[in-house]
Structures are given as structure tokens and as C-alpha cells.
Amino acid sequence: MAARKKTTESEDEMNGVVLTDEEIKAAAEGDIEAVAKSRENEAPRKRTVVVAEDESVNRMDLVAMLEDNGYEVVGEAANGEEAVELTRKYRPDVVCMDVKMPRMDGIAAAGIICDENIAPVVMLTAFSQSDLVKKATGAGAMAYVTKPYEESKLMPALEVAMGRFAEINDLLDNVERSENKLRETEEQLRKAEEKLKKTEETLEERKLVDRAKGLLMDKADFSEQGAFRWIQKTSMDQRIPKKRLALAIIAKYGDTKPEPGDER
């Protein structure tokens, strides 16, 4: 699945997020309240929309209705291919997509936009297109509106689509964070297990070397320091692991044979 919609620098500027010189200075001085106050009287950002409708008269009516309700129409498409291109370019808050259009129909275009997770899509359908509505929702459309366009139908559908889109992306963010946390936990557990295993092997080797050292002191008349040095030097010179060398000493001088599986 494509990455979720992220705000780019150009979008920040369009959204009014970029700070002015005065606000940057206030923020640098730690006066966050001054920054907040400077934005209290700012007008809220208009939500952006791409309109895809092949009939020019219907498209003009739809654009006018959207603008009258505070939306900013950033792109107008007459076919599905244009709709996809404009949506990728402007990354609007929502897309109004007619079902039947030339070159690429609205369902195919909606499928691409939804697969790339760019923006929510509201399908525009005729009353006789109930079968196409099912295909549209299957392609990922968040809502649909039947023609003729009515403000009382269109505006709530846009809000529903944007709300569902936000909820889905919040859910995906939560899933991604959970998966990342799980991977981090698994990695920490793996390292802890490796460390524990190494510690256990070191402890086992130390016990065997101590036993071998004692046998050399008892059976071969080594001093404690001499026995340890002999084991250490022999291990290095012969390239024999200390544990294996200790087991060999124990097998030769010990009263009991090492248990099966001790030598690795």
C-alpha cells in the first residue's frame, strides 16, 4: 500500500503554516503565546477539491456549488486520467469523481487514487447506476452522491468522505506504530537472549576451566596460577577452545567422565 498522505513544504505555504519573520523571532525567543495570538484572527484554510466531470455544464455547476460552500477547487478534469494526474499534483482534501467518463472511467481513476492513498473520493452517480456504486465502493470510494447534484446531499457526503479518510489513516498510523514498537521489542528480546546465552556459556566455561585447573594442581603438581596459564597458553597455541581443552583435562584426570552433550 502506498504511503499515507503527508504535508509537503509547498502545501504548508498554501495552508498558511509557514511562520512569518516576526513569528520566527518570537518562537526563537520562546514567546509561543505571541505566535498563537498572531494567528487567532487568521481565516481558516479552505479545503481543496478536484472535480472530475466530463459534462462541462455539470462541472461548472458543481464547481460553483463547492466554491459557494467554502471549498477551493484546485483542479478540473474531463476524464479519469486527468483526474488522477490533478489529484497527484495538488493532493486535495477530497475528490469529486463522476462514474462514467472517457479514456478512463471514474471507478478506475478512484481505484488508483485510493490505492495510492492520496485523497478520499466521492463518486457522482446517476440513479440507474446502483451496480456501479458497488464497484465504486469496492474501488475505495468513501461516499457517493446521486445526480442531479444537490447541496444538501453533496456537502454531507464530502464531510463523511474526509472523516472516513482521516479515521482510516489514523488507524493505519496506529498499526504502523504498533508494528514498529513490536519489531523494536522483538529486537531487544533477541539481543537480551543472545546476551543471556553468551553469559551462560561464559559461566559454564569458567566452571569447567576452574575444575580443570584444580585437577592439574592435584594430579600434575601445577600451582593455581601455573595451571591457569598453561590452559590459557595451550588454548591459544593449539587453537583449542578453553571449554574443549578443559573437558579433555577433566576426562583424563577426573574421577567421572563428562556427561554426554557437554562437549560442543
Protein backbone atom coordinates (compact mmCIF):
# COMPACT_ATOMS: atom_id res chain seq x y z
CA MET A 1 0.00 0.00 0.00
CA ALA A 2 1.23 3.48 -0.79
CA ALA A 3 2.44 5.85 1.91
CA ARG A 4 -0.19 7.89 3.63
CA LYS A 5 -0.78 11.48 2.65
CA LYS A 6 1.92 13.77 4.05
CA THR A 7 2.08 17.55 4.03
CA THR A 8 4.78 18.96 1.78
CA GLU A 9 6.54 22.28 2.15
CA SER A 10 4.53 23.81 -0.67
CA GLU A 11 1.33 22.62 0.98
CA ASP A 12 2.47 24.18 4.24
CA GLU A 13 2.80 27.50 2.49
CA MET A 14 -0.62 27.10 0.89
CA ASN A 15 -2.10 26.09 4.22
CA GLY A 16 -0.62 29.10 6.00
CA VAL A 17 1.64 27.02 8.19
CA VAL A 18 4.92 28.76 7.34
CA LEU A 19 5.84 31.31 10.03
CA THR A 20 6.42 34.97 9.30
CA ASP A 21 9.73 36.64 10.23
CA GLU A 22 8.10 38.15 13.33
CA GLU A 23 6.70 34.78 14.37
CA ILE A 24 10.04 33.05 13.84
CA LYS A 25 11.71 35.68 16.05
CA ALA A 26 9.02 35.27 18.73
CA ALA A 27 9.32 31.49 18.60
CA ALA A 28 13.12 31.69 18.88
CA GLU A 29 12.72 33.83 21.99
CA GLY A 30 10.33 31.28 23.44
CA ASP A 31 7.29 33.54 23.17
CA ILE A 32 4.88 30.90 21.86
CA GLU A 33 1.88 32.91 23.05
CA ALA A 34 2.82 35.72 20.68
CA VAL A 35 2.85 33.28 17.76
CA ALA A 36 -0.54 31.89 18.77
CA LYS A 37 -2.06 35.36 19.14
CA SER A 38 -0.77 36.39 15.72
CA ARG A 39 -2.81 33.58 14.21
CA GLU A 40 -6.01 33.97 16.17
CA ASN A 41 -7.60 36.25 13.59
CA GLU A 42 -6.41 34.30 10.56
CA ALA A 43 -9.12 32.84 8.33
CA PRO A 44 -9.27 29.04 8.37
CA ARG A 45 -7.71 27.33 5.38
CA LYS A 46 -10.14 26.45 2.63
CA ARG A 47 -10.45 22.76 1.96
CA THR A 48 -9.30 21.87 -1.53
CA VAL A 49 -11.07 19.69 -4.05
CA VAL A 50 -10.50 18.24 -7.52
CA VAL A 51 -13.62 17.95 -9.67
CA ALA A 52 -13.84 15.28 -12.37
CA GLU A 53 -16.91 15.55 -14.61
CA ASP A 54 -16.90 15.15 -18.39
CA GLU A 55 -20.03 17.27 -18.98
CA SER A 56 -18.83 20.88 -18.87
CA VAL A 57 -22.19 22.35 -17.75
CA ASN A 58 -22.49 19.91 -14.85
CA ARG A 59 -18.85 20.56 -13.96
CA MET A 60 -19.40 24.33 -13.87
CA ASP A 61 -22.46 23.92 -11.63
CA LEU A 62 -20.56 21.61 -9.31
CA VAL A 63 -17.58 23.96 -9.08
CA ALA A 64 -19.87 26.90 -8.29
CA MET A 65 -21.66 24.91 -5.58
CA LEU A 66 -18.39 23.89 -3.97
CA GLU A 67 -16.95 27.41 -4.04
CA ASP A 68 -20.17 28.82 -2.59
CA ASN A 69 -19.69 26.44 0.35
CA GLY A 70 -16.13 27.49 1.07
CA TYR A 71 -14.17 24.91 -0.93
CA GLU A 72 -11.28 25.80 -3.18
CA VAL A 73 -11.41 23.93 -6.49
CA VAL A 74 -7.74 23.36 -7.38
CA GLY A 75 -8.33 21.20 -10.46
CA GLU A 76 -11.00 20.37 -13.01
CA ALA A 77 -10.84 17.17 -15.05
CA ALA A 78 -12.89 15.96 -18.00
CA ASN A 79 -11.76 12.33 -17.81
CA GLY A 80 -10.33 9.81 -15.37
CA GLU A 81 -6.71 10.18 -16.49
CA GLU A 82 -6.79 13.94 -15.88
CA ALA A 83 -8.43 13.35 -12.52
CA VAL A 84 -5.60 11.07 -11.40
CA GLU A 85 -2.92 13.49 -12.66
CA LEU A 86 -4.52 16.51 -10.95
CA THR A 87 -5.00 14.59 -7.71
CA ARG A 88 -1.37 13.52 -7.68
CA LYS A 89 -0.29 17.10 -8.44
CA TYR A 90 -2.44 19.02 -5.95
CA ARG A 91 -3.12 16.33 -3.31
CA PRO A 92 -6.52 17.84 -2.43
CA ASP A 93 -8.58 17.24 0.66
CA VAL A 94 -11.23 15.44 -1.40
CA VAL A 95 -12.05 14.44 -4.99
CA CYS A 96 -15.49 14.61 -6.64
CA MET A 97 -15.48 11.97 -9.35
CA ASP A 98 -18.13 11.22 -11.98
CA VAL A 99 -18.51 7.49 -12.67
CA LYS A 100 -18.82 7.49 -16.46
CA MET A 101 -16.05 9.43 -18.21
CA PRO A 102 -13.99 8.92 -21.38
CA ARG A 103 -10.44 7.50 -21.61
CA MET A 104 -10.59 6.20 -18.03
CA ASP A 105 -13.84 5.86 -16.10
CA GLY A 106 -14.30 7.22 -12.61
CA ILE A 107 -14.16 3.80 -10.94
CA ALA A 108 -10.73 3.02 -12.40
CA ALA A 109 -9.48 6.50 -11.51
CA ALA A 110 -10.86 6.22 -7.98
CA GLY A 111 -9.12 2.85 -7.60
CA ILE A 112 -5.75 4.39 -8.47
CA ILE A 113 -6.24 7.37 -6.15
CA CYS A 114 -7.36 5.16 -3.28
CA ASP A 115 -4.57 2.62 -3.82
CA GLU A 116 -2.05 5.46 -3.61
CA ASN A 117 -3.95 6.82 -0.60
CA ILE A 118 -3.77 10.40 -1.88
CA ALA A 119 -7.25 11.68 -1.07
CA PRO A 120 -10.79 10.50 -0.32
CA VAL A 121 -13.07 10.12 -3.34
CA VAL A 122 -16.77 10.94 -3.54
CA MET A 123 -18.41 9.29 -6.55
CA LEU A 124 -21.07 11.11 -8.58
CA THR A 125 -23.63 8.68 -9.97
CA ALA A 126 -26.98 8.55 -11.72
CA PHE A 127 -29.98 6.87 -10.09
CA SER A 128 -29.70 3.96 -12.55
CA GLN A 129 -26.09 3.19 -11.61
CA SER A 130 -26.58 1.23 -8.39
CA ASP A 131 -24.43 -1.60 -9.71
CA LEU A 132 -21.65 0.90 -10.41
CA VAL A 133 -21.95 2.27 -6.88
CA LYS A 134 -20.96 -1.15 -5.54
CA LYS A 135 -17.97 -1.23 -7.87
CA ALA A 136 -17.03 2.29 -6.80
CA THR A 137 -17.10 1.48 -3.09
CA GLY A 138 -15.15 -1.67 -3.88
CA ALA A 139 -12.52 0.51 -5.55
CA GLY A 140 -12.20 2.54 -2.35
CA ALA A 141 -14.63 5.44 -2.76
CA MET A 142 -15.61 6.82 0.64
CA ALA A 143 -19.08 8.11 -0.33
CA TYR A 144 -21.33 8.75 -3.31
CA VAL A 145 -23.90 11.32 -4.40
CA THR A 146 -26.66 10.79 -6.94
CA LYS A 147 -27.41 13.25 -9.70
CA PRO A 148 -28.74 15.90 -10.02
CA TYR A 149 -26.30 17.46 -7.56
CA GLU A 150 -27.92 18.97 -4.51
CA GLU A 151 -26.12 20.94 -1.85
CA SER A 152 -27.96 19.06 0.90
CA LYS A 153 -26.55 15.78 -0.44
CA LEU A 154 -23.11 16.80 -1.62
CA MET A 155 -21.79 18.72 1.40
CA PRO A 156 -22.52 15.95 3.97
CA ALA A 157 -21.05 13.36 1.59
CA LEU A 158 -17.81 15.35 1.38
CA GLU A 159 -17.61 15.61 5.17
CA VAL A 160 -18.27 11.87 5.54
CA ALA A 161 -15.58 11.02 2.98
CA MET A 162 -12.95 13.24 4.58
CA GLY A 163 -13.85 11.95 8.04
CA ARG A 164 -13.57 8.31 6.98
CA PHE A 165 -10.30 9.02 5.20
CA ALA A 166 -8.85 10.63 8.33
CA GLU A 167 -10.04 7.76 10.53
CA ILE A 168 -8.52 5.16 8.24
CA ASN A 169 -5.19 6.97 8.12
CA ASP A 170 -5.19 7.38 11.90
CA LEU A 171 -5.82 3.65 12.18
CA LEU A 172 -3.01 2.89 9.73
CA ASP A 173 -0.70 5.19 11.69
CA ASN A 174 -1.57 3.36 14.91
CA VAL A 175 -0.98 -0.01 13.25
CA GLU A 176 2.35 1.17 11.87
CA ARG A 177 3.43 2.49 15.28
CA SER A 178 2.37 -0.77 16.91
CA GLU A 179 4.28 -2.80 14.35
CA ASN A 180 7.38 -0.65 14.79
CA LYS A 181 7.14 -1.00 18.55
CA LEU A 182 6.71 -4.75 18.22
CA ARG A 183 9.76 -5.00 15.97
CA GLU A 184 11.78 -2.94 18.44
CA THR A 185 10.64 -5.15 21.30
CA GLU A 186 11.48 -8.31 19.35
CA GLU A 187 14.94 -6.93 18.54
CA GLN A 188 15.54 -6.05 22.18
CA LEU A 189 14.40 -9.52 23.22
CA ARG A 190 16.69 -11.13 20.65
CA LYS A 191 19.67 -9.14 21.93
CA ALA A 192 18.78 -9.98 25.52
CA GLU A 193 18.57 -13.68 24.65
CA GLU A 194 21.93 -13.55 22.88
CA LYS A 195 23.48 -11.79 25.85
CA LEU A 196 21.99 -14.32 28.26
CA LYS A 197 23.20 -17.23 26.15
CA LYS A 198 26.69 -15.75 25.98
CA THR A 199 26.68 -15.19 29.73
CA GLU A 200 25.58 -18.78 30.37
CA GLU A 201 28.26 -20.12 28.03
CA THR A 202 30.90 -17.97 29.72
CA LEU A 203 29.79 -19.15 33.15
CA GLU A 204 29.83 -22.81 32.04
CA GLU A 205 33.31 -22.39 30.52
CA ARG A 206 34.58 -20.72 33.70
CA LYS A 207 33.30 -23.59 35.83
CA LEU A 208 34.93 -26.19 33.58
CA VAL A 209 38.24 -24.28 33.48
CA ASP A 210 38.21 -23.97 37.29
CA ARG A 211 37.62 -27.73 37.57
CA ALA A 212 40.36 -28.49 35.05
CA LYS A 213 42.71 -26.11 36.83
CA GLY A 214 42.06 -27.90 40.12
CA LEU A 215 42.78 -31.28 38.54
CA LEU A 216 46.07 -30.01 37.09
CA MET A 217 47.04 -28.72 40.54
CA ASP A 218 46.11 -32.03 42.13
CA LYS A 219 47.30 -34.52 39.52
CA ALA A 220 50.13 -32.70 37.73
CA ASP A 221 51.51 -30.62 40.59
CA PHE A 222 50.72 -27.24 38.98
CA SER A 223 50.35 -24.09 41.01
CA GLU A 224 46.99 -22.37 40.64
CA GLN A 225 48.49 -19.57 38.55
CA GLY A 226 50.61 -22.04 36.56
CA ALA A 227 47.59 -24.25 35.81
CA PHE A 228 45.60 -21.31 34.57
CA ARG A 229 48.45 -20.03 32.41
CA TRP A 230 49.02 -23.49 30.94
CA ILE A 231 45.35 -23.81 29.97
CA GLN A 232 45.33 -20.33 28.52
CA LYS A 233 48.60 -20.78 26.54
CA THR A 234 47.69 -24.25 25.28
CA SER A 235 44.29 -22.99 24.16
CA MET A 236 45.90 -20.15 22.20
CA ASP A 237 48.82 -22.15 20.75
CA GLN A 238 46.73 -25.14 19.70
CA ARG A 239 43.72 -23.05 18.81
CA ILE A 240 41.55 -25.18 21.03
CA PRO A 241 38.62 -23.53 22.83
CA LYS A 242 39.17 -23.34 26.57
CA LYS A 243 35.98 -25.25 27.19
CA ARG A 244 37.07 -28.14 24.96
CA LEU A 245 40.53 -28.21 26.50
CA ALA A 246 39.05 -28.17 29.99
CA LEU A 247 36.78 -31.10 29.10
CA ALA A 248 39.79 -33.04 27.81
CA ILE A 249 41.66 -32.42 31.08
CA ILE A 250 38.64 -33.43 33.10
CA ALA A 251 38.25 -36.60 31.01
CA LYS A 252 41.90 -37.52 31.59
CA TYR A 253 42.29 -36.65 35.25
CA GLY A 254 38.78 -36.55 36.59
CA ASP A 255 37.13 -39.33 38.55
CA THR A 256 33.99 -39.18 36.39
CA LYS A 257 33.56 -38.81 32.67
CA PRO A 258 31.86 -35.72 31.37
CA GLU A 259 28.20 -36.05 30.79
CA PRO A 260 27.06 -36.67 27.18
CA GLY A 261 26.45 -33.42 25.34
CA ASP A 262 28.91 -31.37 27.43
CA GLU A 263 31.44 -31.18 24.59
CA ARG A 264 30.29 -28.97 21.79
